[in-house]
Protein backbone atom coordinates (compact mmCIF):
# COMPACT_ATOMS: atom_id res chain seq x y z
CA MET A 1 100.43 183.47 -82.06
CA THR A 2 97.53 182.58 -79.79
CA PHE A 3 96.15 179.10 -80.43
CA GLU A 4 93.94 177.85 -77.61
CA VAL A 5 90.54 176.32 -76.91
CA THR A 6 88.10 177.15 -74.09
CA ILE A 7 85.59 174.52 -73.02
CA LEU A 8 82.01 175.81 -72.75
CA GLY A 9 80.21 172.47 -72.35
CA SER A 10 81.22 168.87 -71.67
CA SER A 11 78.04 166.92 -71.00
CA SER A 12 76.34 164.50 -73.39
CA ALA A 13 72.62 164.47 -74.24
CA THR A 14 71.37 166.63 -71.34
CA PRO A 15 72.76 169.32 -69.04
CA ILE A 16 73.37 168.42 -65.42
CA PHE A 17 74.53 170.45 -62.44
CA ASN A 18 77.82 172.18 -63.35
CA ARG A 19 77.96 170.56 -66.81
CA ASN A 20 76.42 171.90 -70.02
CA PRO A 21 76.17 170.03 -73.34
CA THR A 22 78.92 170.37 -75.89
CA SER A 23 80.40 173.64 -77.07
CA GLN A 24 83.93 175.01 -77.42
CA LEU A 25 85.53 178.30 -78.45
CA LEU A 26 88.79 178.20 -80.40
CA ASN A 27 91.01 181.28 -80.45
CA CYS A 28 93.50 181.39 -83.31
CA ASN A 29 95.45 184.65 -83.52
CA ASP A 30 92.55 186.49 -81.84
CA LYS A 31 90.01 185.23 -84.35
CA PHE A 32 87.26 183.14 -82.77
CA TYR A 33 85.69 179.91 -84.00
CA LEU A 34 82.73 178.35 -82.19
CA ILE A 35 82.67 174.55 -82.33
CA ASP A 36 79.17 173.17 -81.70
CA CYS A 37 76.59 175.28 -79.93
CA ALA A 38 74.51 173.36 -77.40
CA GLU A 39 71.79 174.72 -75.16
CA GLY A 40 73.15 177.43 -72.85
CA THR A 41 76.20 178.29 -74.96
CA GLN A 42 75.60 182.03 -74.91
CA GLN A 43 75.24 181.97 -71.13
CA GLN A 44 78.54 180.12 -70.87
CA LEU A 45 80.22 182.77 -73.03
CA ILE A 46 78.94 185.45 -70.65
CA LYS A 47 79.97 183.45 -67.57
CA PHE A 48 83.56 183.05 -68.77
CA GLY A 49 83.94 186.61 -70.06
CA LEU A 50 84.02 185.71 -73.76
CA LYS A 51 82.41 188.03 -76.30
CA ALA A 52 79.95 186.38 -78.69
CA SER A 53 80.25 189.41 -80.97
CA LYS A 54 83.83 188.34 -81.84
CA ILE A 55 82.67 185.01 -83.28
CA ASP A 56 82.62 185.06 -87.09
CA TYR A 57 82.66 181.30 -87.78
CA ILE A 58 80.51 178.51 -86.31
CA PHE A 59 81.11 174.81 -86.95
CA ILE A 60 78.31 172.31 -86.15
CA SER A 61 79.31 168.64 -86.12
CA HIS A 62 75.84 167.09 -86.45
CA LEU A 63 72.15 167.68 -85.80
CA HIS A 64 71.60 166.06 -82.42
CA GLY A 65 70.22 168.71 -80.11
CA ASP A 66 73.03 168.57 -77.56
CA HIS A 67 75.30 170.02 -80.26
CA TYR A 68 73.19 172.80 -81.77
CA PHE A 69 70.10 173.67 -79.68
CA GLY A 70 71.81 176.86 -78.46
CA LEU A 71 72.31 178.21 -81.96
CA ILE A 72 68.97 179.95 -82.49
CA GLY A 73 69.31 181.76 -79.16
CA LEU A 74 72.85 182.88 -79.88
CA LEU A 75 71.99 184.14 -83.37
CA SER A 76 68.94 185.98 -82.05
CA SER A 77 70.94 187.69 -79.30
CA LEU A 78 73.56 188.83 -81.81
CA HIS A 79 70.71 190.34 -83.85
CA LEU A 80 69.23 192.11 -80.82
CA ASN A 81 72.67 193.42 -79.85
CA GLY A 82 73.09 195.11 -83.22
CA ARG A 83 75.44 192.83 -85.11
CA ILE A 84 75.80 193.81 -88.78
CA LYS A 85 78.85 191.85 -89.99
CA PRO A 86 78.21 188.48 -91.68
CA LEU A 87 78.49 185.21 -89.78
CA HIS A 88 79.57 181.95 -91.43
CA ILE A 89 77.97 178.63 -90.44
CA PHE A 90 79.57 175.32 -91.45
CA ALA A 91 77.07 172.57 -90.73
CA PRO A 92 74.91 169.79 -92.16
CA LYS A 93 72.77 171.11 -95.01
CA ALA A 94 69.50 170.94 -93.03
CA ILE A 95 70.66 173.59 -90.55
CA GLN A 96 69.60 176.35 -92.96
CA GLU A 97 66.05 175.00 -93.18
CA ILE A 98 65.88 174.58 -89.39
CA LEU A 99 67.02 178.13 -88.65
CA GLU A 100 64.95 179.78 -91.37
CA LEU A 101 61.82 178.03 -90.11
CA GLN A 102 62.37 179.36 -86.59
CA PHE A 103 63.08 182.88 -87.85
CA LYS A 104 59.99 182.71 -90.06
CA HIS A 105 57.60 181.83 -87.25
CA SER A 106 59.11 184.41 -84.89
CA ASP A 107 58.96 187.06 -87.64
CA THR A 108 62.68 187.71 -87.21
CA ASN A 109 64.69 189.43 -89.95
CA LEU A 110 68.33 189.37 -88.96
CA LYS A 111 70.29 192.61 -89.35
CA TYR A 112 73.30 190.60 -90.49
CA GLU A 113 73.87 187.96 -93.16
CA LEU A 114 74.18 184.25 -92.41
CA ILE A 115 76.48 182.53 -94.89
CA TYR A 116 75.95 178.77 -94.96
CA PHE A 117 78.40 176.07 -96.00
CA ALA A 118 76.80 172.62 -96.26
CA ILE A 119 79.21 169.96 -95.04
CA ASP A 120 79.56 166.75 -97.05
CA PRO A 121 79.52 163.95 -94.43
CA THR A 122 80.92 161.38 -96.88
CA LYS A 123 84.42 162.74 -97.51
CA SER A 124 87.13 164.58 -95.62
CA GLU A 125 87.96 167.93 -97.18
CA VAL A 126 89.20 171.43 -96.38
CA ILE A 127 86.11 173.57 -95.85
CA PHE A 128 87.69 176.83 -94.74
CA GLU A 129 91.02 178.63 -94.69
CA ASN A 130 92.39 182.10 -94.11
CA ASN A 131 95.82 183.52 -93.31
CA ASP A 132 95.79 181.94 -89.84
CA VAL A 133 94.22 178.50 -90.06
CA SER A 134 92.77 175.82 -92.32
CA VAL A 135 89.84 173.61 -91.31
CA GLN A 136 89.39 170.06 -92.56
CA THR A 137 86.45 167.77 -91.84
CA ILE A 138 86.86 164.43 -90.06
CA ILE A 139 84.32 161.80 -91.11
CA LEU A 140 83.06 160.12 -87.94
CA ASN A 141 80.82 157.11 -87.34
CA HIS A 142 77.68 158.11 -85.45
CA ARG A 143 73.99 157.26 -85.58
CA ILE A 144 73.40 160.17 -87.97
CA PRO A 145 75.94 161.89 -90.27
CA CYS A 146 78.58 163.53 -88.12
CA THR A 147 81.88 165.28 -88.82
CA GLY A 148 84.70 166.41 -86.62
CA PHE A 149 87.01 169.29 -87.49
CA LYS A 150 90.79 169.58 -87.65
CA PHE A 151 92.12 173.12 -87.23
CA THR A 152 95.70 173.55 -88.45
CA GLU A 153 97.76 176.72 -88.12
CA LYS A 154 99.19 178.25 -91.25
CA LYS A 155 102.97 178.35 -91.46
CA ARG A 156 104.20 181.77 -90.33
CA LEU A 157 106.82 183.87 -92.12
CA ARG A 158 110.46 183.48 -91.12
CA LYS A 159 111.72 185.46 -88.10
CA LEU A 160 114.18 188.29 -88.72
CA LEU A 161 117.47 188.51 -86.82
CA ILE A 162 117.12 192.25 -86.26
CA GLU A 163 120.45 192.86 -84.53
CA LYS A 164 122.41 191.21 -87.34
CA LEU A 165 120.36 193.04 -89.99
CA GLU A 166 121.10 196.39 -88.31
CA GLN A 167 124.76 195.51 -87.77
CA ASP A 168 125.23 194.75 -91.49
CA GLU A 169 123.10 197.78 -92.44
CA ILE A 170 120.61 195.79 -94.50
CA PRO A 171 117.95 198.21 -95.84
CA ILE A 172 114.60 197.94 -94.06
CA GLU A 173 112.75 197.75 -97.37
CA LEU A 174 114.33 194.32 -97.94
CA TYR A 175 112.96 192.85 -94.69
CA PRO A 176 109.63 191.62 -96.16
CA LEU A 177 111.45 189.62 -98.85
CA LEU A 178 113.78 188.07 -96.31
CA LYS A 179 110.80 187.05 -94.14
CA ARG A 180 109.42 185.21 -97.18
CA GLY A 181 112.64 183.22 -97.48
CA VAL A 182 114.06 185.00 -100.53
CA ASP A 183 117.80 185.31 -101.26
CA LEU A 184 118.59 188.78 -102.65
CA ASP A 185 120.93 189.59 -105.54
CA LEU A 186 122.12 193.18 -105.15
CA PRO A 187 123.14 195.46 -108.09
CA ASN A 188 126.76 195.44 -106.88
CA GLY A 189 126.91 191.65 -107.26
CA ASN A 190 126.63 190.84 -103.57
CA VAL A 191 124.14 188.24 -102.41
CA ILE A 192 122.15 188.53 -99.18
CA LYS A 193 121.37 184.98 -98.13
CA ASN A 194 118.12 184.60 -96.29
CA ILE A 195 119.49 181.94 -93.95
CA ASP A 196 122.09 184.41 -92.60
CA TYR A 197 119.47 186.89 -91.41
CA THR A 198 116.39 184.84 -90.48
CA THR A 199 115.33 181.77 -88.55
CA ASP A 200 112.48 179.43 -89.31
CA SER A 201 109.14 180.08 -87.64
CA ALA A 202 107.55 177.57 -85.28
CA THR A 203 106.09 174.37 -86.68
CA PRO A 204 102.31 174.84 -87.21
CA LYS A 205 100.16 173.14 -84.59
CA SER A 206 96.83 171.37 -85.02
CA TYR A 207 93.68 170.78 -82.97
CA ALA A 208 91.43 167.84 -83.86
CA TYR A 209 87.86 167.86 -82.57
CA CYS A 210 86.19 164.43 -82.67
CA SER A 211 82.56 164.75 -81.76
CA ASP A 212 80.16 161.82 -81.32
CA THR A 213 81.48 158.59 -82.82
CA LEU A 214 82.08 154.91 -82.49
CA TYR A 215 85.69 153.82 -82.21
CA ASP A 216 86.48 153.43 -85.92
CA SER A 217 89.93 153.34 -87.51
CA LYS A 218 88.55 154.94 -90.68
CA TYR A 219 89.00 158.45 -89.24
CA PHE A 220 92.46 157.88 -87.74
CA GLU A 221 94.44 159.16 -90.73
CA SER A 222 92.55 162.47 -90.63
CA ILE A 223 93.85 163.19 -87.12
CA ARG A 224 97.26 161.51 -87.18
CA GLY A 225 100.01 163.51 -85.49
CA CYS A 226 97.72 166.25 -84.14
CA ASP A 227 99.11 168.31 -81.26
CA THR A 228 95.89 168.28 -79.24
CA LEU A 229 93.06 165.81 -79.76
CA TYR A 230 89.61 166.30 -78.29
CA HIS A 231 87.72 163.02 -78.34
CA GLU A 232 84.36 162.12 -76.91
CA ALA A 233 84.47 159.66 -73.99
CA THR A 234 80.85 159.21 -73.04
CA PHE A 235 81.20 156.02 -70.94
CA LEU A 236 83.60 153.97 -68.88
CA HIS A 237 84.76 150.87 -70.74
CA GLU A 238 82.61 148.62 -68.55
CA MET A 239 79.71 150.05 -70.60
CA ILE A 240 81.21 149.20 -73.97
CA GLU A 241 78.01 147.52 -75.18
CA ARG A 242 76.01 150.65 -74.38
CA ALA A 243 78.63 152.72 -76.19
CA LYS A 244 78.28 150.54 -79.29
CA GLU A 245 74.47 150.69 -79.11
CA THR A 246 74.47 154.50 -78.99
CA HIS A 247 77.41 154.98 -81.38
CA HIS A 248 79.69 156.46 -78.75
CA THR A 249 83.17 155.88 -77.34
CA THR A 250 84.55 154.90 -73.94
CA ALA A 251 87.32 156.73 -72.10
CA LEU A 252 89.63 153.79 -72.69
CA GLN A 253 88.91 153.83 -76.43
CA ALA A 254 89.50 157.58 -76.65
CA ALA A 255 92.92 157.05 -75.09
CA GLU A 256 93.65 154.23 -77.54
CA VAL A 257 92.80 156.58 -80.42
CA ALA A 258 95.21 159.23 -79.07
CA GLN A 259 97.97 156.65 -78.67
CA THR A 260 97.42 155.14 -82.12
CA VAL A 261 97.42 158.44 -84.02
CA GLY A 262 100.39 159.87 -82.11
CA ALA A 263 98.59 162.82 -80.53
CA LYS A 264 100.68 164.89 -78.13
CA LYS A 265 97.77 165.66 -75.77
CA LEU A 266 94.23 164.30 -75.29
CA LEU A 267 91.15 166.10 -73.99
CA ILE A 268 88.12 163.94 -73.22
CA GLY A 269 84.54 165.16 -72.92
CA HIS A 270 80.88 164.50 -73.79
CA PHE A 271 80.42 162.69 -70.48
CA SER A 272 77.23 160.76 -69.72
CA SER A 273 75.05 162.37 -67.05
CA ARG A 274 75.26 159.10 -65.08
CA TYR A 275 78.73 160.21 -63.91
CA LYS A 276 78.46 162.81 -61.17
CA THR A 277 82.24 162.92 -60.80
CA LEU A 278 84.68 162.33 -63.63
CA VAL A 279 87.84 161.03 -61.96
CA GLU A 280 87.12 157.43 -63.01
CA LEU A 281 86.93 158.42 -66.67
CA LEU A 282 90.19 160.34 -66.40
CA ASP A 283 91.94 157.51 -64.58
CA GLU A 284 90.76 154.97 -67.15
CA ALA A 285 92.05 157.04 -70.07
CA ARG A 286 95.40 157.69 -68.36
CA THR A 287 96.08 153.95 -68.05
CA VAL A 288 96.63 154.05 -71.82
CA PHE A 289 97.50 157.69 -72.54
CA PRO A 290 98.95 159.57 -69.53
CA LYS A 291 98.77 163.02 -71.18
CA THR A 292 94.98 163.12 -70.86
CA GLU A 293 92.95 165.99 -69.38
CA LEU A 294 89.24 166.46 -68.70
CA ALA A 295 87.48 169.01 -70.93
CA ILE A 296 85.87 170.88 -68.05
CA GLU A 297 83.78 174.03 -68.45
CA GLY A 298 85.79 177.22 -68.14
CA LEU A 299 89.19 175.64 -68.71
CA THR A 300 91.37 176.97 -71.53
CA PHE A 301 93.95 174.69 -73.12
CA GLU A 302 96.88 175.91 -75.18
CA ILE A 303 97.21 173.79 -78.30
């Protein structure tokens, strides 16, 4: 099953040359989830050959502009391009008022339905699930209410050992039950043991997205053991006081989070525009957590 994330934006606060503010597109079993939607997101989707029309779920971490200013443009373009299927938005409660005000004063009546889910920024909870993935909020510590999101694959059905099934002439109509892990009692008294004809499916993987936040151990349990952790790393650690003042994290702190929670891989992003090149941030993080990568626009990471 496909489970990967494409980086659309990695800059904090403002866009700079070659770096847009935050946005990511998660692909889970060919269903697409947009995570934050900064200015220029729809242009980034076009640039990297990703179809906005395939997005059915949008998750907004908080209401600072560098995380949602691209939303009205994206929604308007979907309307103009003839979208009719509903679109689900998981975001702080005020997002509905913000969007409806803009649509009101532009006299825009969308051809499709927007379904809002107001996130509670005070407690971690599962806010969405389908047959492929569940999404749980991560309560972060920023200047305004802010949540991250943990996407966890659903456990897949067991894998059939087709050659053995055919060799023992097991009827095809029994395959679905075997995939569900059922042992079968046949009318003749024989028992078909599931373990003889199937193997376990892969262990579900998880992707934790930690948007703007201070380094704060209160959110560590929500992301413990994740396969891939995205964590903001706005500054080098020499600017720790500035990070505290603005409720952000340094590259060194992001690496310490990954190490503490036992993440298998770390992606860092949300870089301050003061850094024209990013190698220093990467090097700093790797002194603590070697399996660190830069969340650079256009790169796709398998979870």
